[in-house]
Amino acid sequence: MTSSQGKSPTTAAANNDPPDSLDSLCRDCATLDKVARHTRRCPACGSPRLLKHAELTQLGVAHLDCDAFYAAVEKRDNPELNDRPVIIGGGRRGVVSTCCYIARIHGVHSAMPMFQATKACPDAVIIKPDMEKYGRVGREVRALMQELTPLVEPLSIDEAFMDLRGTERLHGGAPALSLLKLVHRIEREIGITVSIGLSHNKFLAKLSSDFDKPRGFSIIGQAETLDTLAALPVSAIWGVGKAMQARLARDGIRQISQLQKIDESELARRYEATGLRLARLAKGQDNRAVTPRAAAKSISSETTFSEDLSDAVALEKHLWHLSERTAARCKAKAVAGKTLVLKMKADRLSSLTRSRALSNPTQLADVIFEQGRDMLHQVLAEKPGTRFRLIGIGLAGLVDEKLADPLDLGDPDKARRKAAEQAMDVLRDKFGKDSIKKGRGL
């Protein structure tokens, strides 16, 4: 494995007589060339950010991961936060969604309870997540990726696989060069940084993207796969969580190198289907294709309260904000929904949902709220006095937005409400989502 900073779990060569030169890519000036193996700086610009690897121009499966994504977006929008620890999260029940690298130095990490995070880093700036904004930025990153290849497989809002094999003639260079140009565009046009893992399959690409964060670009080639994996703990294998780690540890297996020495049939006997998967991934074998994700079947928004609520007025206020958020997401994806779904939770273990077929597909917050409020009051009547910790509203049965919200002779005021909401959307796009609000949202 090779990274531009020379951080490598292994430096094993493909054979005992390595070539005198390697393909190299300068991560600052994008010069692709051959250099002597011992070269430390780019011959063209003198940068030390020189990526060297024997298989640099041969590999085409990549994993792109945005660096501390939520925190990076907030710092981009407020440069005064650049040198300060930032934690995205909030609420007494809340956990850390993510944090910047400064906060991580203090021991803060994702999924940590907020009270522990603020104790570990009392000077941190706490920001409530703005999922609508993060989703918008994530879609901007995704759009730039899809300009390079249609084979983009999202894993989450801030990471995705890409398959650029066979794009050399189209883009006038190796996939590694195309990826570097993409990195530069994201930094220049969107204002955040990303890390890249490049390899010959998805498992190794994702693994390598974590080796050199932030602003990393790491490679695991075919020739070094076994040696790179052998140096890592079993927890580096995708899907091996704490329970499986404990089970393997009871059998004396803590390193991938130990898995590599056990016959596949023996691992299958011990751990069944999981054993077969462990045997193959321990040797870097992964034949999964990069597959663009199917279109979403539903769009929803939900929130967890800092204190349980039973009051209808308070619940309606949250429902309105969620209706606006769901409507905005539908409009951003140019879809509408035929079925409305209300979700509520009274405790951590139990939840209830109510659904209602709409007379026409909608993407309007006004319609979502009115129908959702009716279902909310039905729930409150069924469960009087119940205190709820979560509420969510969503649309399912998605269709093209051209079918959304036709004029209704039975509701002559609908045209006016639709025009008013569309006018508000225009103002929000121009001046920001908080630039105008309906009375019920104040």
Protein backbone atom coordinates (compact mmCIF):
# COMPACT_ATOMS: atom_id res chain seq x y z
CA MET A 1 0.00 0.00 0.00
CA THR A 2 1.22 3.46 -0.84
CA SER A 3 0.03 6.90 0.14
CA SER A 4 1.38 10.32 -0.75
CA GLN A 5 2.71 10.78 2.78
CA GLY A 6 4.54 7.45 2.89
CA LYS A 7 2.24 6.07 5.61
CA SER A 8 2.02 2.40 4.78
CA PRO A 9 1.13 -0.79 6.67
CA THR A 10 3.58 -2.58 4.45
CA THR A 11 6.21 -1.80 1.87
CA ALA A 12 6.39 -5.28 0.41
CA ALA A 13 7.49 -5.28 -3.21
CA ALA A 14 5.95 -7.41 -5.92
CA ASN A 15 9.24 -9.32 -6.38
CA ASN A 16 12.85 -9.40 -5.21
CA ASP A 17 14.09 -7.17 -8.01
CA PRO A 18 11.89 -4.03 -8.03
CA PRO A 19 12.16 -1.66 -11.01
CA ASP A 20 14.30 1.44 -10.73
CA SER A 21 11.34 3.71 -11.43
CA LEU A 22 7.69 3.92 -10.49
CA ASP A 23 4.66 5.67 -11.89
CA SER A 24 4.06 8.85 -9.89
CA LEU A 25 1.30 11.41 -9.56
CA CYS A 26 1.83 14.80 -7.93
CA ARG A 27 -1.20 15.59 -5.84
CA ASP A 28 -0.59 19.34 -6.14
CA CYS A 29 0.21 19.96 -9.82
CA ALA A 30 -1.29 16.68 -11.19
CA THR A 31 1.87 15.72 -13.08
CA LEU A 32 1.75 12.03 -14.04
CA ASP A 33 5.24 10.69 -14.74
CA LYS A 34 7.80 8.01 -13.94
CA VAL A 35 10.33 8.79 -11.22
CA ALA A 36 13.12 6.97 -9.47
CA ARG A 37 11.91 4.88 -6.53
CA HIS A 38 13.76 7.05 -4.00
CA THR A 39 12.31 10.36 -5.33
CA ARG A 40 10.67 12.35 -2.55
CA ARG A 41 9.41 15.45 -4.36
CA CYS A 42 7.61 16.19 -7.59
CA PRO A 43 10.19 16.97 -10.31
CA ALA A 44 7.77 19.52 -11.83
CA CYS A 45 6.73 21.63 -8.82
CA GLY A 46 8.78 20.35 -5.87
CA SER A 47 5.75 19.26 -3.84
CA PRO A 48 6.31 16.47 -1.29
CA ARG A 49 2.76 15.21 -1.95
CA LEU A 50 3.98 12.67 -4.46
CA LEU A 51 1.98 9.48 -4.94
CA LYS A 52 4.17 6.62 -6.20
CA HIS A 53 3.09 3.08 -6.97
CA ALA A 54 3.94 0.30 -9.42
CA GLU A 55 0.24 -0.16 -10.25
CA LEU A 56 -0.76 3.51 -10.17
CA THR A 57 -2.05 3.58 -13.76
CA GLN A 58 -3.62 0.09 -13.69
CA LEU A 59 -6.18 0.34 -10.88
CA GLY A 60 -9.69 1.73 -11.29
CA VAL A 61 -11.97 0.87 -8.34
CA ALA A 62 -12.14 3.77 -5.90
CA HIS A 63 -13.80 4.77 -2.65
CA LEU A 64 -14.35 8.48 -1.99
CA ASP A 65 -14.97 9.57 1.60
CA CYS A 66 -15.61 13.18 2.63
CA ASP A 67 -13.43 14.26 5.57
CA ALA A 68 -15.43 14.97 8.78
CA PHE A 69 -18.24 15.89 6.42
CA TYR A 70 -20.82 17.70 8.57
CA ALA A 71 -18.16 19.64 10.47
CA ALA A 72 -16.34 20.48 7.21
CA VAL A 73 -19.52 21.96 5.73
CA GLU A 74 -20.09 24.09 8.85
CA LYS A 75 -16.50 25.34 8.79
CA ARG A 76 -16.81 26.15 5.11
CA ASP A 77 -19.89 28.25 5.83
CA ASN A 78 -18.33 29.94 8.88
CA PRO A 79 -14.56 30.41 8.47
CA GLU A 80 -14.32 31.69 12.07
CA LEU A 81 -14.64 28.03 13.11
CA ASN A 82 -11.61 26.86 11.11
CA ASP A 83 -9.20 26.67 14.04
CA ARG A 84 -11.76 25.62 16.64
CA PRO A 85 -12.99 22.17 17.70
CA VAL A 86 -16.46 21.60 16.25
CA ILE A 87 -18.93 18.91 17.28
CA ILE A 88 -22.08 18.21 15.29
CA GLY A 89 -24.80 16.91 17.60
CA GLY A 90 -26.93 18.18 20.41
CA GLY A 91 -29.69 17.57 22.89
CA ARG A 92 -29.53 15.84 26.24
CA ARG A 93 -30.26 12.50 24.58
CA GLY A 94 -28.11 13.25 21.59
CA VAL A 95 -24.89 11.70 20.44
CA VAL A 96 -22.06 13.07 18.33
CA SER A 97 -22.99 12.84 14.65
CA THR A 98 -19.45 13.76 13.66
CA CYS A 99 -16.70 16.11 14.73
CA CYS A 100 -13.74 17.86 13.20
CA TYR A 101 -10.21 16.55 13.51
CA ILE A 102 -9.33 19.11 16.19
CA ALA A 103 -12.08 17.68 18.41
CA ARG A 104 -10.88 14.15 17.65
CA ILE A 105 -7.50 15.01 19.12
CA HIS A 106 -9.34 15.54 22.43
CA GLY A 107 -10.88 12.07 22.23
CA VAL A 108 -14.26 12.95 20.74
CA HIS A 109 -15.65 10.49 18.20
CA SER A 110 -18.85 9.70 16.33
CA ALA A 111 -21.68 8.09 18.34
CA MET A 112 -20.18 9.32 21.64
CA PRO A 113 -22.85 10.64 24.05
CA MET A 114 -22.86 14.41 23.98
CA PHE A 115 -22.27 14.78 27.73
CA GLN A 116 -19.06 12.76 27.37
CA ALA A 117 -17.99 14.73 24.30
CA THR A 118 -18.43 18.11 26.00
CA LYS A 119 -16.54 16.82 29.03
CA ALA A 120 -13.64 15.65 26.85
CA CYS A 121 -13.61 18.89 24.84
CA PRO A 122 -15.26 21.68 26.86
CA ASP A 123 -14.16 24.39 24.40
CA ALA A 124 -15.89 22.76 21.45
CA VAL A 125 -18.47 24.62 19.40
CA ILE A 126 -21.66 22.54 19.36
CA ILE A 127 -23.80 22.76 16.22
CA LYS A 128 -27.12 21.00 15.66
CA PRO A 129 -27.14 18.90 12.48
CA ASP A 130 -28.63 20.55 9.40
CA MET A 131 -29.41 17.44 7.36
CA GLU A 132 -31.05 19.39 4.58
CA LYS A 133 -27.85 21.37 4.00
CA TYR A 134 -25.61 18.33 4.28
CA GLY A 135 -27.81 16.43 1.85
CA ARG A 136 -27.57 19.28 -0.64
CA VAL A 137 -23.75 19.35 -0.42
CA GLY A 138 -23.60 15.56 -0.64
CA ARG A 139 -25.63 15.67 -3.86
CA GLU A 140 -23.23 18.28 -5.27
CA VAL A 141 -20.30 15.94 -4.60
CA ARG A 142 -22.21 13.03 -6.12
CA ALA A 143 -22.96 15.00 -9.26
CA LEU A 144 -19.24 15.68 -9.83
CA MET A 145 -18.51 11.97 -9.37
CA GLN A 146 -21.15 11.02 -11.92
CA GLU A 147 -19.52 13.29 -14.48
CA LEU A 148 -16.61 10.84 -14.48
CA THR A 149 -18.56 7.58 -14.53
CA PRO A 150 -22.16 6.38 -14.23
CA LEU A 151 -20.84 3.60 -11.98
CA VAL A 152 -21.19 5.45 -8.67
CA GLU A 153 -22.52 3.45 -5.70
CA PRO A 154 -23.38 5.61 -2.67
CA LEU A 155 -22.84 4.13 0.78
CA SER A 156 -24.08 7.17 2.67
CA ILE A 157 -24.49 10.91 2.29
CA ASP A 158 -20.70 11.44 2.29
CA GLU A 159 -19.09 8.37 0.73
CA ALA A 160 -19.41 6.26 -2.41
CA PHE A 161 -17.65 3.71 -4.60
CA MET A 162 -16.65 4.50 -8.17
CA ASP A 163 -15.56 2.23 -11.01
CA LEU A 164 -13.41 4.10 -13.54
CA ARG A 165 -11.99 1.10 -15.34
CA GLY A 166 -12.13 1.64 -19.09
CA THR A 167 -12.41 5.44 -18.86
CA GLU A 168 -8.80 6.19 -19.81
CA ARG A 169 -9.55 7.23 -23.41
CA LEU A 170 -12.66 9.17 -22.39
CA HIS A 171 -10.85 11.27 -19.79
CA GLY A 172 -7.40 11.32 -21.36
CA GLY A 173 -5.58 9.63 -18.49
CA ALA A 174 -5.52 6.87 -15.91
CA PRO A 175 -8.30 6.64 -13.30
CA ALA A 176 -5.87 7.90 -10.65
CA LEU A 177 -5.42 11.15 -12.58
CA SER A 178 -9.18 11.53 -13.09
CA LEU A 179 -9.71 11.01 -9.36
CA LEU A 180 -7.12 13.63 -8.47
CA LYS A 181 -8.78 16.15 -10.77
CA LEU A 182 -12.09 15.31 -9.06
CA VAL A 183 -10.52 15.95 -5.65
CA HIS A 184 -9.30 19.36 -6.84
CA ARG A 185 -12.75 20.24 -8.21
CA ILE A 186 -14.47 19.30 -4.95
CA GLU A 187 -12.05 21.44 -2.93
CA ARG A 188 -12.31 24.36 -5.36
CA GLU A 189 -16.03 24.33 -6.21
CA ILE A 190 -17.64 22.86 -3.09
CA GLY A 191 -15.12 23.90 -0.45
CA ILE A 192 -14.60 20.62 1.44
CA THR A 193 -11.89 17.96 1.35
CA VAL A 194 -12.14 14.25 0.58
CA SER A 195 -9.98 11.14 0.88
CA ILE A 196 -9.54 8.56 -1.87
CA GLY A 197 -8.83 4.84 -1.70
CA LEU A 198 -7.82 3.19 -4.99
CA SER A 199 -7.50 -0.55 -5.54
CA HIS A 200 -8.68 -3.52 -7.59
CA ASN A 201 -11.92 -4.18 -5.67
CA LYS A 202 -14.43 -2.47 -3.39
CA PHE A 203 -13.26 -3.95 -0.08
CA LEU A 204 -9.67 -2.83 -0.56
CA ALA A 205 -10.64 0.57 -1.97
CA LYS A 206 -12.74 1.35 1.11
CA LEU A 207 -10.04 0.01 3.42
CA SER A 208 -7.33 2.15 1.85
CA SER A 209 -9.39 5.36 1.96
CA ASP A 210 -8.97 5.35 5.77
CA PHE A 211 -5.18 4.97 5.76
CA ASP A 212 -4.23 8.61 5.26
CA LYS A 213 -7.13 10.89 6.28
CA PRO A 214 -7.73 13.76 5.93
CA ARG A 215 -6.97 14.67 2.30
CA GLY A 216 -5.65 11.18 1.78
CA PHE A 217 -4.98 9.29 -1.43
CA SER A 218 -3.92 5.71 -0.75
CA ILE A 219 -3.46 2.67 -2.96
CA ILE A 220 -3.50 -1.08 -2.41
CA GLY A 221 -2.20 -2.89 -5.49
CA GLN A 222 -2.65 -6.50 -6.52
CA ALA A 223 0.92 -7.48 -5.69
CA GLU A 224 0.85 -6.15 -2.12
CA THR A 225 -2.68 -7.18 -1.14
CA LEU A 226 -1.81 -10.17 1.06
CA ASP A 227 1.04 -8.44 2.90
CA THR A 228 -1.01 -5.27 3.46
CA LEU A 229 -3.91 -7.21 4.95
CA ALA A 230 -1.66 -9.48 7.03
CA ALA A 231 -0.46 -6.51 9.07
CA LEU A 232 -3.99 -5.48 10.11
CA PRO A 233 -6.33 -6.65 12.92
CA VAL A 234 -9.47 -8.63 12.06
CA SER A 235 -11.54 -5.53 12.86
CA ALA A 236 -10.30 -4.03 9.56
CA ILE A 237 -12.48 -6.51 7.67
CA TRP A 238 -15.75 -4.90 6.67
CA GLY A 239 -18.60 -6.27 8.76
CA VAL A 240 -16.49 -7.70 11.59
CA GLY A 241 -18.03 -5.95 14.58
CA LYS A 242 -17.39 -6.30 18.29
CA ALA A 243 -19.36 -9.55 18.64
CA MET A 244 -17.46 -11.27 15.83
CA GLN A 245 -14.14 -9.88 17.08
CA ALA A 246 -14.85 -11.42 20.49
CA ARG A 247 -15.78 -14.75 18.93
CA LEU A 248 -12.59 -14.81 16.86
CA ALA A 249 -10.53 -13.76 19.88
CA ARG A 250 -11.90 -16.72 21.86
CA ASP A 251 -10.45 -18.90 19.11
CA GLY A 252 -7.12 -17.05 19.33
CA ILE A 253 -7.60 -15.11 16.08
CA ARG A 254 -6.84 -11.41 16.29
CA GLN A 255 -4.88 -10.63 13.12
CA ILE A 256 -5.85 -11.06 9.47
CA SER A 257 -2.55 -12.92 8.99
CA GLN A 258 -3.97 -15.71 11.17
CA LEU A 259 -7.11 -15.96 9.04
CA GLN A 260 -4.99 -16.19 5.91
CA LYS A 261 -3.34 -19.36 7.25
CA ILE A 262 -6.59 -21.20 8.00
CA ASP A 263 -8.19 -23.27 5.24
CA GLU A 264 -11.44 -21.90 3.86
CA SER A 265 -13.30 -25.12 4.65
CA GLU A 266 -12.17 -24.94 8.29
CA LEU A 267 -13.38 -21.34 8.62
CA ALA A 268 -16.70 -22.36 7.05
CA ARG A 269 -17.01 -25.22 9.54
CA ARG A 270 -16.38 -22.88 12.47
CA TYR A 271 -18.32 -19.82 11.38
CA GLU A 272 -20.59 -21.05 8.54
CA ALA A 273 -21.34 -18.44 5.85
CA THR A 274 -19.42 -15.78 7.77
CA GLY A 275 -16.37 -18.06 7.68
CA LEU A 276 -16.42 -18.19 3.89
CA ARG A 277 -16.64 -14.42 3.77
CA LEU A 278 -13.75 -14.05 6.23
CA ALA A 279 -11.58 -16.44 4.20
CA ARG A 280 -12.06 -14.49 1.01
CA LEU A 281 -11.75 -10.97 2.38
CA ALA A 282 -8.68 -11.94 4.43
CA LYS A 283 -7.02 -12.66 1.08
CA GLY A 284 -8.40 -9.51 -0.55
CA GLN A 285 -10.91 -11.34 -2.73
CA ASP A 286 -14.05 -9.35 -3.48
CA ASN A 287 -15.97 -9.76 -6.74
CA ARG A 288 -18.82 -7.37 -5.96
CA ALA A 289 -19.54 -4.93 -8.76
CA VAL A 290 -19.92 -1.20 -8.25
CA THR A 291 -23.67 -0.85 -8.68
CA PRO A 292 -25.53 2.47 -8.78
CA ARG A 293 -28.19 2.47 -6.08
CA ALA A 294 -31.81 2.12 -7.13
CA ALA A 295 -34.01 5.18 -6.81
CA ALA A 296 -35.34 5.85 -3.32
CA LYS A 297 -38.74 4.33 -2.58
CA SER A 298 -39.58 6.90 0.07
CA ILE A 299 -38.46 10.24 1.48
CA SER A 300 -38.93 11.16 5.13
CA SER A 301 -37.72 13.36 7.98
CA GLU A 302 -37.80 12.71 11.71
CA THR A 303 -36.60 14.23 14.96
CA THR A 304 -35.96 13.00 18.50
CA PHE A 305 -37.03 15.39 21.25
CA SER A 306 -34.78 16.48 24.11
CA GLU A 307 -37.80 15.88 26.39
CA ASP A 308 -40.79 13.57 25.81
CA LEU A 309 -43.87 15.38 24.48
CA SER A 310 -47.61 14.70 24.73
CA ASP A 311 -48.94 18.18 23.97
CA ALA A 312 -50.63 18.36 20.57
CA VAL A 313 -49.56 21.95 19.87
CA ALA A 314 -45.90 21.17 20.54
CA LEU A 315 -46.06 18.02 18.42
CA GLU A 316 -47.73 19.94 15.59
CA LYS A 317 -44.91 22.49 15.59
CA HIS A 318 -42.33 19.74 15.08
CA LEU A 319 -44.56 18.12 12.46
CA TRP A 320 -44.67 21.35 10.45
CA HIS A 321 -40.87 21.69 10.36
CA LEU A 322 -40.55 18.04 9.32
CA SER A 323 -43.21 18.52 6.63
CA GLU A 324 -41.22 21.42 5.19
CA ARG A 325 -38.03 19.37 5.27
CA THR A 326 -39.67 16.38 3.57
CA ALA A 327 -41.21 18.64 0.93
CA ALA A 328 -37.82 20.27 0.24
CA ARG A 329 -36.20 16.86 -0.23
CA CYS A 330 -38.93 15.79 -2.65
CA LYS A 331 -38.52 18.98 -4.66
CA ALA A 332 -34.73 18.55 -4.74
CA LYS A 333 -35.18 15.05 -6.20
CA ALA A 334 -38.04 16.13 -8.53
CA VAL A 335 -40.45 13.55 -7.08
CA ALA A 336 -43.80 13.44 -5.31
CA GLY A 337 -45.38 10.84 -3.05
CA LYS A 338 -48.69 9.00 -3.30
CA THR A 339 -48.75 7.72 0.32
CA LEU A 340 -48.16 9.69 3.52
CA VAL A 341 -46.48 7.89 6.45
CA LEU A 342 -46.46 9.12 10.05
CA LYS A 343 -43.97 7.58 12.51
CA MET A 344 -43.96 8.05 16.28
CA LYS A 345 -42.02 6.51 19.17
CA ALA A 346 -42.98 6.45 22.82
CA ASP A 347 -39.84 4.62 23.98
CA ARG A 348 -36.64 3.16 22.55
CA LEU A 349 -38.10 -0.24 21.70
CA SER A 350 -41.59 0.35 20.35
CA SER A 351 -42.75 2.51 17.47
CA LEU A 352 -45.96 2.97 15.55
CA THR A 353 -46.65 4.03 11.99
CA ARG A 354 -49.77 5.26 10.26
CA SER A 355 -50.12 5.56 6.50
CA ARG A 356 -52.68 7.18 4.27
CA ALA A 357 -53.15 7.04 0.49
CA LEU A 358 -53.47 10.54 -0.96
CA SER A 359 -55.96 11.49 -3.64
CA ASN A 360 -53.08 12.93 -5.70
CA PRO A 361 -49.29 12.67 -5.41
CA THR A 362 -47.85 15.64 -3.50
CA GLN A 363 -44.60 17.41 -2.74
CA LEU A 364 -46.15 20.35 -0.91
CA ALA A 365 -45.41 20.96 2.76
CA ASP A 366 -48.91 22.31 3.25
CA VAL A 367 -50.53 19.05 2.10
CA ILE A 368 -48.07 16.88 4.01
CA PHE A 369 -48.71 18.81 7.21
CA GLU A 370 -52.52 18.92 6.97
CA GLN A 371 -52.80 15.19 6.30
CA GLY A 372 -50.09 14.37 8.84
CA ARG A 373 -51.77 16.50 11.51
CA ASP A 374 -55.00 14.57 11.03
CA MET A 375 -53.17 11.26 11.55
CA LEU A 376 -51.34 12.73 14.56
CA HIS A 377 -54.59 13.60 16.29
CA GLN A 378 -55.91 10.10 15.60
CA VAL A 379 -52.85 8.67 17.36
CA LEU A 380 -53.25 11.04 20.31
CA ALA A 381 -56.91 10.02 20.62
CA GLU A 382 -55.97 6.32 20.58
CA LYS A 383 -53.21 6.78 23.16
CA PRO A 384 -54.30 9.60 25.49
CA GLY A 385 -51.57 10.89 27.81
CA THR A 386 -48.77 9.04 26.02
CA ARG A 387 -45.50 10.95 25.94
CA PHE A 388 -43.58 10.59 22.69
CA ARG A 389 -39.82 10.84 22.16
CA LEU A 390 -39.78 10.88 18.33
CA ILE A 391 -41.95 11.95 15.42
CA GLY A 392 -41.39 11.59 11.69
CA ILE A 393 -43.31 12.24 8.48
CA GLY A 394 -42.59 10.90 5.01
CA LEU A 395 -43.89 10.14 1.53
CA ALA A 396 -43.83 6.75 -0.18
CA GLY A 397 -44.90 5.57 -3.61
CA LEU A 398 -42.70 8.15 -5.31
CA VAL A 399 -43.52 9.36 -8.83
CA ASP A 400 -42.28 12.11 -11.14
CA GLU A 401 -43.05 15.62 -9.89
CA LYS A 402 -44.98 16.35 -13.10
CA LEU A 403 -47.82 14.33 -11.55
CA ALA A 404 -47.79 16.32 -8.31
CA ASP A 405 -50.58 18.46 -6.88
CA PRO A 406 -52.97 19.01 -9.80
CA LEU A 407 -55.62 21.67 -9.39
CA ASP A 408 -58.65 20.42 -7.48
CA LEU A 409 -62.15 21.81 -8.11
CA GLY A 410 -63.14 20.56 -4.67
CA ASP A 411 -60.40 22.71 -3.09
CA PRO A 412 -60.47 26.08 -4.89
CA ASP A 413 -57.87 27.54 -2.50
CA LYS A 414 -55.27 24.90 -3.38
CA ALA A 415 -53.92 26.85 -6.37
CA ARG A 416 -53.23 29.86 -4.16
CA ARG A 417 -51.47 27.78 -1.48
CA LYS A 418 -49.38 26.00 -4.11
CA ALA A 419 -48.32 29.28 -5.72
CA ALA A 420 -47.45 30.75 -2.31
CA GLU A 421 -45.27 27.77 -1.38
CA GLN A 422 -43.49 27.85 -4.75
CA ALA A 423 -42.80 31.58 -4.27
CA MET A 424 -41.34 30.85 -0.82
CA ASP A 425 -39.13 28.14 -2.37
CA VAL A 426 -37.72 30.67 -4.84
CA LEU A 427 -36.87 33.09 -2.02
CA ARG A 428 -35.25 30.34 0.05
CA ASP A 429 -33.12 29.22 -2.90
CA LYS A 430 -31.94 32.81 -3.34
CA PHE A 431 -31.56 34.00 0.26
CA GLY A 432 -31.32 30.82 2.38
CA LYS A 433 -33.78 28.41 3.95
CA ASP A 434 -34.42 30.67 7.00
CA SER A 435 -35.11 33.79 4.95
CA ILE A 436 -38.87 33.31 5.02
CA LYS A 437 -41.20 31.25 7.20
CA LYS A 438 -44.89 30.59 7.53
CA GLY A 439 -46.59 31.78 10.70
CA ARG A 440 -46.91 28.25 12.08
CA GLY A 441 -43.14 27.81 11.71
CA LEU A 442 -42.21 30.80 13.88
